């Protein structure tokens, strides 16, 4: 089953995800996010916009490759894959 990891910043908002191994029975990024949202309600509201697309300040990678489909989140996750959710860095 794919594993999901995320930056420490997200645990501040979703403490129920902290200190646990998160595995998801999902084959796409969209399915993985919905599974995480079932564990931590409100998670998808934080990482997705009002249209269900990935927010500009959030990135997702699958095994070191950035997700391509940021609108429908259809990128496939291999069964032994790792999904990493992180916030973009910005500033001047």
PDB file of N, CA and C in Angstrom:
ATOM      1  N   UNK A   1       0.833  -1.170   0.000  1.00  0.00           N
ATOM      2  CA  UNK A   1       0.000   0.000   0.000  1.00  0.00           C
ATOM      3  C   UNK A   1       0.889   1.249   0.000  1.00  0.00           C
ATOM      4  N   UNK A   2       0.533   2.284  -0.778  1.00  0.00           N
ATOM      5  CA  UNK A   2       1.343   3.496  -0.784  1.00  0.00           C
ATOM      6  C   UNK A   2       1.428   4.144   0.595  1.00  0.00           C
ATOM      7  N   UNK A   3       2.559   4.766   0.822  1.00  0.00           N
ATOM      8  CA  UNK A   3       2.807   5.463   2.081  1.00  0.00           C
ATOM      9  C   UNK A   3       2.748   6.972   1.829  1.00  0.00           C
ATOM     10  N   UNK A   4       2.252   7.724   2.803  1.00  0.00           N
ATOM     11  CA  UNK A   4       2.166   9.178   2.682  1.00  0.00           C
ATOM     12  C   UNK A   4       3.003   9.814   3.783  1.00  0.00           C
ATOM     13  N   UNK A   5       3.826  10.781   3.394  1.00  0.00           N
ATOM     14  CA  UNK A   5       4.613  11.553   4.342  1.00  0.00           C
ATOM     15  C   UNK A   5       4.348  13.020   4.057  1.00  0.00           C
ATOM     16  N   UNK A   6       4.561  13.871   5.050  1.00  0.00           N
ATOM     17  CA  UNK A   6       4.329  15.299   4.855  1.00  0.00           C
ATOM     18  C   UNK A   6       5.255  16.112   5.739  1.00  0.00           C
ATOM     19  N   UNK A   7       5.341  17.388   5.439  1.00  0.00           N
ATOM     20  CA  UNK A   7       6.194  18.273   6.218  1.00  0.00           C
ATOM     21  C   UNK A   7       5.610  18.458   7.617  1.00  0.00           C
ATOM     22  N   UNK A   8       6.484  18.758   8.561  1.00  0.00           N
ATOM     23  CA  UNK A   8       6.083  18.937   9.952  1.00  0.00           C
ATOM     24  C   UNK A   8       5.046  20.042  10.121  1.00  0.00           C
ATOM     25  N   UNK A   9       5.097  21.039   9.266  1.00  0.00           N
ATOM     26  CA  UNK A   9       4.152  22.154   9.340  1.00  0.00           C
ATOM     27  C   UNK A   9       2.699  21.665   9.319  1.00  0.00           C
ATOM     28  N   UNK A  10       2.411  20.675   8.515  1.00  0.00           N
ATOM     29  CA  UNK A  10       1.035  20.189   8.396  1.00  0.00           C
ATOM     30  C   UNK A  10       0.542  19.507   9.665  1.00  0.00           C
ATOM     31  N   UNK A  11       1.457  18.949  10.445  1.00  0.00           N
ATOM     32  CA  UNK A  11       1.050  18.303  11.693  1.00  0.00           C
ATOM     33  C   UNK A  11       0.523  19.307  12.714  1.00  0.00           C
ATOM     34  N   UNK A  12       0.950  20.548  12.594  1.00  0.00           N
ATOM     35  CA  UNK A  12       0.451  21.577  13.507  1.00  0.00           C
ATOM     36  C   UNK A  12      -1.059  21.757  13.327  1.00  0.00           C
ATOM     37  N   UNK A  13      -1.511  21.646  12.085  1.00  0.00           N
ATOM     38  CA  UNK A  13      -2.932  21.809  11.790  1.00  0.00           C
ATOM     39  C   UNK A  13      -3.707  20.494  11.886  1.00  0.00           C
ATOM     40  N   UNK A  14      -2.999  19.379  11.724  1.00  0.00           N
ATOM     41  CA  UNK A  14      -3.638  18.058  11.741  1.00  0.00           C
ATOM     42  C   UNK A  14      -2.859  17.115  12.651  1.00  0.00           C
ATOM     43  N   UNK A  15      -2.930  17.345  13.964  1.00  0.00           N
ATOM     44  CA  UNK A  15      -2.130  16.563  14.909  1.00  0.00           C
ATOM     45  C   UNK A  15      -2.470  15.077  14.911  1.00  0.00           C
ATOM     46  N   UNK A  16      -3.648  14.712  14.457  1.00  0.00           N
ATOM     47  CA  UNK A  16      -4.012  13.296  14.422  1.00  0.00           C
ATOM     48  C   UNK A  16      -3.177  12.509  13.411  1.00  0.00           C
ATOM     49  N   UNK A  17      -2.448  13.198  12.546  1.00  0.00           N
ATOM     50  CA  UNK A  17      -1.583  12.526  11.576  1.00  0.00           C
ATOM     51  C   UNK A  17      -0.149  12.369  12.074  1.00  0.00           C
ATOM     52  N   UNK A  18       0.181  13.084  13.144  1.00  0.00           N
ATOM     53  CA  UNK A  18       1.550  13.087  13.655  1.00  0.00           C
ATOM     54  C   UNK A  18       1.895  11.754  14.326  1.00  0.00           C
ATOM     55  N   UNK A  19       3.148  11.365  14.176  1.00  0.00           N
ATOM     56  CA  UNK A  19       3.687  10.159  14.825  1.00  0.00           C
ATOM     57  C   UNK A  19       2.960   8.883  14.419  1.00  0.00           C
ATOM     58  N   UNK A  20       2.536   8.818  13.195  1.00  0.00           N
ATOM     59  CA  UNK A  20       1.928   7.585  12.704  1.00  0.00           C
ATOM     60  C   UNK A  20       2.387   7.326  11.280  1.00  0.00           C
ATOM     61  N   UNK A  21       2.437   6.075  10.933  1.00  0.00           N
ATOM     62  CA  UNK A  21       2.738   5.701   9.557  1.00  0.00           C
ATOM     63  C   UNK A  21       1.418   5.741   8.811  1.00  0.00           C
ATOM     64  N   UNK A  22       1.379   6.555   7.764  1.00  0.00           N
ATOM     65  CA  UNK A  22       0.141   6.714   7.002  1.00  0.00           C
ATOM     66  C   UNK A  22       0.259   5.911   5.711  1.00  0.00           C
ATOM     67  N   UNK A  23      -0.563   4.894   5.590  1.00  0.00           N
ATOM     68  CA  UNK A  23      -0.654   4.134   4.351  1.00  0.00           C
ATOM     69  C   UNK A  23      -2.075   4.286   3.837  1.00  0.00           C
ATOM     70  N   UNK A  24      -2.197   4.322   2.521  1.00  0.00           N
ATOM     71  CA  UNK A  24      -3.505   4.564   1.919  1.00  0.00           C
ATOM     72  C   UNK A  24      -3.787   3.531   0.837  1.00  0.00           C
ATOM     73  N   UNK A  25      -4.989   2.976   0.833  1.00  0.00           N
ATOM     74  CA  UNK A  25      -5.361   2.049  -0.242  1.00  0.00           C
ATOM     75  C   UNK A  25      -5.811   2.871  -1.450  1.00  0.00           C
ATOM     76  N   UNK A  26      -4.850   3.499  -2.120  1.00  0.00           N
ATOM     77  CA  UNK A  26      -5.184   4.414  -3.203  1.00  0.00           C
ATOM     78  C   UNK A  26      -4.268   4.184  -4.398  1.00  0.00           C
ATOM     79  N   UNK A  27      -4.799   4.427  -5.584  1.00  0.00           N
ATOM     80  CA  UNK A  27      -3.979   4.305  -6.789  1.00  0.00           C
ATOM     81  C   UNK A  27      -3.768   5.656  -7.462  1.00  0.00           C
ATOM     82  N   UNK A  28      -4.416   6.714  -6.969  1.00  0.00           N
ATOM     83  CA  UNK A  28      -4.210   8.054  -7.521  1.00  0.00           C
ATOM     84  C   UNK A  28      -4.021   9.042  -6.374  1.00  0.00           C
ATOM     85  N   UNK A  29      -3.490  10.202  -6.708  1.00  0.00           N
ATOM     86  CA  UNK A  29      -3.289  11.244  -5.702  1.00  0.00           C
ATOM     87  C   UNK A  29      -4.637  11.668  -5.120  1.00  0.00           C
ATOM     88  N   UNK A  30      -5.651  11.807  -5.954  1.00  0.00           N
ATOM     89  CA  UNK A  30      -6.984  12.206  -5.475  1.00  0.00           C
ATOM     90  C   UNK A  30      -7.503  11.223  -4.437  1.00  0.00           C
ATOM     91  N   UNK A  31      -7.369   9.938  -4.691  1.00  0.00           N
ATOM     92  CA  UNK A  31      -7.820   8.919  -3.736  1.00  0.00           C
ATOM     93  C   UNK A  31      -7.023   8.988  -2.442  1.00  0.00           C
ATOM     94  N   UNK A  32      -5.727   9.215  -2.547  1.00  0.00           N
ATOM     95  CA  UNK A  32      -4.888   9.310  -1.352  1.00  0.00           C
ATOM     96  C   UNK A  32      -5.319  10.477  -0.475  1.00  0.00           C
ATOM     97  N   UNK A  33      -5.570  11.631  -1.095  1.00  0.00           N
ATOM     98  CA  UNK A  33      -5.983  12.803  -0.319  1.00  0.00           C
ATOM     99  C   UNK A  33      -7.331  12.594   0.352  1.00  0.00           C
ATOM    100  N   UNK A  34      -8.246  11.930  -0.320  1.00  0.00           N
ATOM    101  CA  UNK A  34      -9.554  11.651   0.290  1.00  0.00           C
ATOM    102  C   UNK A  34      -9.409  10.713   1.483  1.00  0.00           C
ATOM    103  N   UNK A  35      -8.518   9.750   1.380  1.00  0.00           N
ATOM    104  CA  UNK A  35      -8.282   8.838   2.493  1.00  0.00           C
ATOM    105  C   UNK A  35      -7.698   9.587   3.688  1.00  0.00           C
ATOM    106  N   UNK A  36      -6.744  10.483   3.425  1.00  0.00           N
ATOM    107  CA  UNK A  36      -6.169  11.278   4.510  1.00  0.00           C
ATOM    108  C   UNK A  36      -7.239  12.166   5.127  1.00  0.00           C
ATOM    109  N   UNK A  37      -8.114  12.720   4.301  1.00  0.00           N
ATOM    110  CA  UNK A  37      -9.188  13.573   4.812  1.00  0.00           C
ATOM    111  C   UNK A  37     -10.137  12.798   5.720  1.00  0.00           C
ATOM    112  N   UNK A  38     -10.300  11.506   5.483  1.00  0.00           N
ATOM    113  CA  UNK A  38     -11.132  10.683   6.375  1.00  0.00           C
ATOM    114  C   UNK A  38     -10.489  10.530   7.754  1.00  0.00           C
ATOM    115  N   UNK A  39      -9.166  10.514   7.786  1.00  0.00           N
ATOM    116  CA  UNK A  39      -8.440  10.420   9.056  1.00  0.00           C
ATOM    117  C   UNK A  39      -8.407  11.776   9.750  1.00  0.00           C
ATOM    118  N   UNK A  40      -8.175  12.833   8.950  1.00  0.00           N
ATOM    119  CA  UNK A  40      -8.032  14.197   9.476  1.00  0.00           C
ATOM    120  C   UNK A  40      -8.987  15.121   8.713  1.00  0.00           C
ATOM    121  N   UNK A  41     -10.237  15.196   9.146  1.00  0.00           N
ATOM    122  CA  UNK A  41     -11.209  16.041   8.441  1.00  0.00           C
ATOM    123  C   UNK A  41     -10.701  17.474   8.287  1.00  0.00           C
ATOM    124  N   UNK A  42     -10.897  18.005   7.092  1.00  0.00           N
ATOM    125  CA  UNK A  42     -10.439  19.348   6.780  1.00  0.00           C
ATOM    126  C   UNK A  42      -9.118  19.373   6.035  1.00  0.00           C
ATOM    127  N   UNK A  43      -8.448  18.229   5.933  1.00  0.00           N
ATOM    128  CA  UNK A  43      -7.147  18.170   5.271  1.00  0.00           C
ATOM    129  C   UNK A  43      -7.261  18.609   3.814  1.00  0.00           C
ATOM    130  N   UNK A  44      -8.250  18.089   3.099  1.00  0.00           N
ATOM    131  CA  UNK A  44      -8.377  18.463   1.689  1.00  0.00           C
ATOM    132  C   UNK A  44      -8.734  19.943   1.539  1.00  0.00           C
ATOM    133  N   UNK A  45      -9.462  20.513   2.488  1.00  0.00           N
ATOM    134  CA  UNK A  45      -9.759  21.948   2.423  1.00  0.00           C
ATOM    135  C   UNK A  45      -8.475  22.765   2.514  1.00  0.00           C
ATOM    136  N   UNK A  46      -7.489  22.239   3.204  1.00  0.00           N
ATOM    137  CA  UNK A  46      -6.227  22.944   3.382  1.00  0.00           C
ATOM    138  C   UNK A  46      -5.339  22.839   2.141  1.00  0.00           C
ATOM    139  N   UNK A  47      -5.308  21.674   1.507  1.00  0.00           N
ATOM    140  CA  UNK A  47      -4.385  21.480   0.387  1.00  0.00           C
ATOM    141  C   UNK A  47      -5.031  21.684  -0.985  1.00  0.00           C
ATOM    142  N   UNK A  48      -6.357  21.665  -1.051  1.00  0.00           N
ATOM    143  CA  UNK A  48      -7.057  21.843  -2.330  1.00  0.00           C
ATOM    144  C   UNK A  48      -7.854  23.133  -2.328  1.00  0.00           C
ATOM    145  N   UNK A  49      -8.016  23.719  -3.506  1.00  0.00           N
ATOM    146  CA  UNK A  49      -8.814  24.942  -3.604  1.00  0.00           C
ATOM    147  C   UNK A  49     -10.297  24.601  -3.730  1.00  0.00           C
ATOM    148  N   UNK A  50     -11.119  25.618  -3.946  1.00  0.00           N
ATOM    149  CA  UNK A  50     -12.571  25.425  -3.996  1.00  0.00           C
ATOM    150  C   UNK A  50     -13.027  24.602  -5.206  1.00  0.00           C
ATOM    151  N   UNK A  51     -12.126  24.392  -6.184  1.00  0.00           N
ATOM    152  CA  UNK A  51     -12.449  23.581  -7.357  1.00  0.00           C
ATOM    153  C   UNK A  51     -11.886  22.165  -7.253  1.00  0.00           C
ATOM    154  N   UNK A  52     -11.212  21.873  -6.161  1.00  0.00           N
ATOM    155  CA  UNK A  52     -10.627  20.550  -5.967  1.00  0.00           C
ATOM    156  C   UNK A  52      -9.239  20.394  -6.564  1.00  0.00           C
ATOM    157  N   UNK A  53      -8.650  21.489  -7.030  1.00  0.00           N
ATOM    158  CA  UNK A  53      -7.286  21.455  -7.573  1.00  0.00           C
ATOM    159  C   UNK A  53      -6.288  21.748  -6.453  1.00  0.00           C
ATOM    160  N   UNK A  54      -5.069  21.341  -6.657  1.00  0.00           N
ATOM    161  CA  UNK A  54      -4.016  21.576  -5.679  1.00  0.00           C
ATOM    162  C   UNK A  54      -3.768  23.077  -5.527  1.00  0.00           C
ATOM    163  N   UNK A  55      -3.720  23.551  -4.303  1.00  0.00           N
ATOM    164  CA  UNK A  55      -3.449  24.975  -4.065  1.00  0.00           C
ATOM    165  C   UNK A  55      -2.039  25.323  -4.546  1.00  0.00           C
ATOM    166  N   UNK A  56      -1.840  26.590  -4.905  1.00  0.00           N
ATOM    167  CA  UNK A  56      -0.547  27.051  -5.433  1.00  0.00           C
ATOM    168  C   UNK A  56       0.591  26.834  -4.451  1.00  0.00           C
ATOM    169  N   UNK A  57       0.322  26.955  -3.161  1.00  0.00           N
ATOM    170  CA  UNK A  57       1.400  26.859  -2.173  1.00  0.00           C
ATOM    171  C   UNK A  57       1.685  25.431  -1.711  1.00  0.00           C
ATOM    172  N   UNK A  58       1.027  24.455  -2.324  1.00  0.00           N
ATOM    173  CA  UNK A  58       1.208  23.057  -1.929  1.00  0.00           C
ATOM    174  C   UNK A  58       1.773  22.272  -3.113  1.00  0.00           C
ATOM    175  N   UNK A  59       2.731  21.411  -2.831  1.00  0.00           N
ATOM    176  CA  UNK A  59       3.274  20.505  -3.842  1.00  0.00           C
ATOM    177  C   UNK A  59       3.147  19.076  -3.347  1.00  0.00           C
ATOM    178  N   UNK A  60       3.035  18.173  -4.288  1.00  0.00           N
ATOM    179  CA  UNK A  60       2.982  16.743  -3.971  1.00  0.00           C
ATOM    180  C   UNK A  60       3.936  16.033  -4.911  1.00  0.00           C
ATOM    181  N   UNK A  61       4.698  15.112  -4.354  1.00  0.00           N
ATOM    182  CA  UNK A  61       5.567  14.296  -5.196  1.00  0.00           C
ATOM    183  C   UNK A  61       5.254  12.829  -4.955  1.00  0.00           C
ATOM    184  N   UNK A  62       5.548  12.055  -5.961  1.00  0.00           N
ATOM    185  CA  UNK A  62       5.428  10.599  -5.872  1.00  0.00           C
ATOM    186  C   UNK A  62       6.808  10.049  -6.189  1.00  0.00           C
ATOM    187  N   UNK A  63       7.425   9.431  -5.209  1.00  0.00           N
ATOM    188  CA  UNK A  63       8.768   8.866  -5.407  1.00  0.00           C
ATOM    189  C   UNK A  63       9.713   9.854  -6.085  1.00  0.00           C
ATOM    190  N   UNK A  64       9.849  11.041  -5.568  1.00  0.00           N
ATOM    191  CA  UNK A  64      10.797  12.050  -6.048  1.00  0.00           C
ATOM    192  C   UNK A  64      10.411  12.745  -7.352  1.00  0.00           C
ATOM    193  N   UNK A  65       9.201  12.521  -7.849  1.00  0.00           N
ATOM    194  CA  UNK A  65       8.730  13.214  -9.049  1.00  0.00           C
ATOM    195  C   UNK A  65       7.517  14.049  -8.682  1.00  0.00           C
ATOM    196  N   UNK A  66       7.565  15.336  -9.020  1.00  0.00           N
ATOM    197  CA  UNK A  66       6.450  16.229  -8.718  1.00  0.00           C
ATOM    198  C   UNK A  66       5.224  15.802  -9.514  1.00  0.00           C
ATOM    199  N   UNK A  67       4.068  15.859  -8.869  1.00  0.00           N
ATOM    200  CA  UNK A  67       2.804  15.512  -9.506  1.00  0.00           C
ATOM    201  C   UNK A  67       2.566  16.435 -10.696  1.00  0.00           C
ATOM    202  N   UNK A  68       2.152  15.864 -11.811  1.00  0.00           N
ATOM    203  CA  UNK A  68       1.923  16.621 -13.037  1.00  0.00           C
ATOM    204  C   UNK A  68       0.506  17.186 -13.076  1.00  0.00           C
ATOM    205  N   UNK A  69      -0.483  16.363 -12.777  1.00  0.00           N
ATOM    206  CA  UNK A  69      -1.889  16.774 -12.851  1.00  0.00           C
ATOM    207  C   UNK A  69      -2.304  17.418 -11.533  1.00  0.00           C
ATOM    208  N   UNK A  70      -2.180  18.732 -11.475  1.00  0.00           N
ATOM    209  CA  UNK A  70      -2.520  19.453 -10.250  1.00  0.00           C
ATOM    210  C   UNK A  70      -3.983  19.876 -10.213  1.00  0.00           C
ATOM    211  N   UNK A  71      -4.726  19.572 -11.266  1.00  0.00           N
ATOM    212  CA  UNK A  71      -6.143  19.932 -11.323  1.00  0.00           C
ATOM    213  C   UNK A  71      -7.028  18.753 -10.944  1.00  0.00           C
ATOM    214  N   UNK A  72      -6.818  17.605 -11.594  1.00  0.00           N
ATOM    215  CA  UNK A  72      -7.650  16.426 -11.319  1.00  0.00           C
ATOM    216  C   UNK A  72      -6.975  15.428 -10.386  1.00  0.00           C
ATOM    217  N   UNK A  73      -5.668  15.615 -10.169  1.00  0.00           N
ATOM    218  CA  UNK A  73      -4.895  14.760  -9.265  1.00  0.00           C
ATOM    219  C   UNK A  73      -4.963  13.284  -9.652  1.00  0.00           C
ATOM    220  N   UNK A  74      -4.847  13.058 -10.954  1.00  0.00           N
ATOM    221  CA  UNK A  74      -4.984  11.700 -11.479  1.00  0.00           C
ATOM    222  C   UNK A  74      -3.664  10.931 -11.555  1.00  0.00           C
ATOM    223  N   UNK A  75      -2.557  11.556 -11.176  1.00  0.00           N
ATOM    224  CA  UNK A  75      -1.271  10.854 -11.230  1.00  0.00           C
ATOM    225  C   UNK A  75      -1.378   9.537 -10.459  1.00  0.00           C
ATOM    226  N   UNK A  76      -0.839   8.489 -11.053  1.00  0.00           N
ATOM    227  CA  UNK A  76      -0.917   7.153 -10.468  1.00  0.00           C
ATOM    228  C   UNK A  76       0.168   6.959  -9.410  1.00  0.00           C
ATOM    229  N   UNK A  77      -0.189   6.256  -8.372  1.00  0.00           N
ATOM    230  CA  UNK A  77       0.747   5.938  -7.291  1.00  0.00           C
ATOM    231  C   UNK A  77       1.016   4.444  -7.323  1.00  0.00           C
ATOM    232  N   UNK A  78       2.275   4.038  -7.464  1.00  0.00           N
ATOM    233  CA  UNK A  78       2.566   2.605  -7.408  1.00  0.00           C
ATOM    234  C   UNK A  78       2.259   2.059  -6.011  1.00  0.00           C
ATOM    235  N   UNK A  79       1.937   0.813  -5.945  1.00  0.00           N
ATOM    236  CA  UNK A  79       1.551   0.195  -4.675  1.00  0.00           C
ATOM    237  C   UNK A  79       2.636   0.334  -3.613  1.00  0.00           C
ATOM    238  N   UNK A  80       3.903   0.358  -4.038  1.00  0.00           N
ATOM    239  CA  UNK A  80       5.006   0.514  -3.085  1.00  0.00           C
ATOM    240  C   UNK A  80       5.538   1.948  -3.068  1.00  0.00           C
ATOM    241  N   UNK A  81       4.757   2.898  -3.613  1.00  0.00           N
ATOM    242  CA  UNK A  81       5.193   4.283  -3.733  1.00  0.00           C
ATOM    243  C   UNK A  81       5.065   5.081  -2.452  1.00  0.00           C
ATOM    244  N   UNK A  82       5.739   6.227  -2.452  1.00  0.00           N
ATOM    245  CA  UNK A  82       5.644   7.172  -1.345  1.00  0.00           C
ATOM    246  C   UNK A  82       5.169   8.505  -1.900  1.00  0.00           C
ATOM    247  N   UNK A  83       4.125   9.023  -1.300  1.00  0.00           N
ATOM    248  CA  UNK A  83       3.584  10.333  -1.648  1.00  0.00           C
ATOM    249  C   UNK A  83       4.070  11.295  -0.581  1.00  0.00           C
ATOM    250  N   UNK A  84       4.650  12.422  -1.019  1.00  0.00           N
ATOM    251  CA  UNK A  84       5.144  13.412  -0.074  1.00  0.00           C
ATOM    252  C   UNK A  84       4.413  14.721  -0.324  1.00  0.00           C
ATOM    253  N   UNK A  85       3.783  15.268   0.713  1.00  0.00           N
ATOM    254  CA  UNK A  85       3.012  16.502   0.619  1.00  0.00           C
ATOM    255  C   UNK A  85       3.790  17.592   1.349  1.00  0.00           C
ATOM    256  N   UNK A  86       4.044  18.691   0.640  1.00  0.00           N
ATOM    257  CA  UNK A  86       4.819  19.765   1.263  1.00  0.00           C
ATOM    258  C   UNK A  86       4.389  21.120   0.732  1.00  0.00           C
ATOM    259  N   UNK A  87       4.688  22.141   1.496  1.00  0.00           N
ATOM    260  CA  UNK A  87       4.338  23.499   1.123  1.00  0.00           C
ATOM    261  C   UNK A  87       5.480  24.118   0.338  1.00  0.00           C
ATOM    262  N   UNK A  88       5.125  24.938  -0.643  1.00  0.00           N
ATOM    263  CA  UNK A  88       6.131  25.662  -1.414  1.00  0.00           C
ATOM    264  C   UNK A  88       6.761  26.728  -0.526  1.00  0.00           C
ATOM    265  N   UNK A  89       8.003  27.036  -0.806  1.00  0.00           N
ATOM    266  CA  UNK A  89       8.677  28.118  -0.092  1.00  0.00           C
ATOM    267  C   UNK A  89       8.663  29.348  -0.972  1.00  0.00           C
ATOM    268  N   UNK A  90       8.411  30.478  -0.374  1.00  0.00           N
ATOM    269  CA  UNK A  90       8.447  31.720  -1.128  1.00  0.00           C
ATOM    270  C   UNK A  90       8.973  32.823  -0.234  1.00  0.00           C
ATOM    271  N   UNK A  91       9.277  33.895  -0.811  1.00  0.00           N
ATOM    272  CA  UNK A  91       9.787  35.023  -0.035  1.00  0.00           C
ATOM    273  C   UNK A  91      10.786  35.817  -0.843  1.00  0.00           C
ATOM    274  N   UNK A  92      11.318  36.821  -0.228  1.00  0.00           N
ATOM    275  CA  UNK A  92      12.226  37.686  -0.967  1.00  0.00           C
ATOM    276  C   UNK A  92      13.516  37.895  -0.273  1.00  0.00           C
TER     277      UNK A  92
END
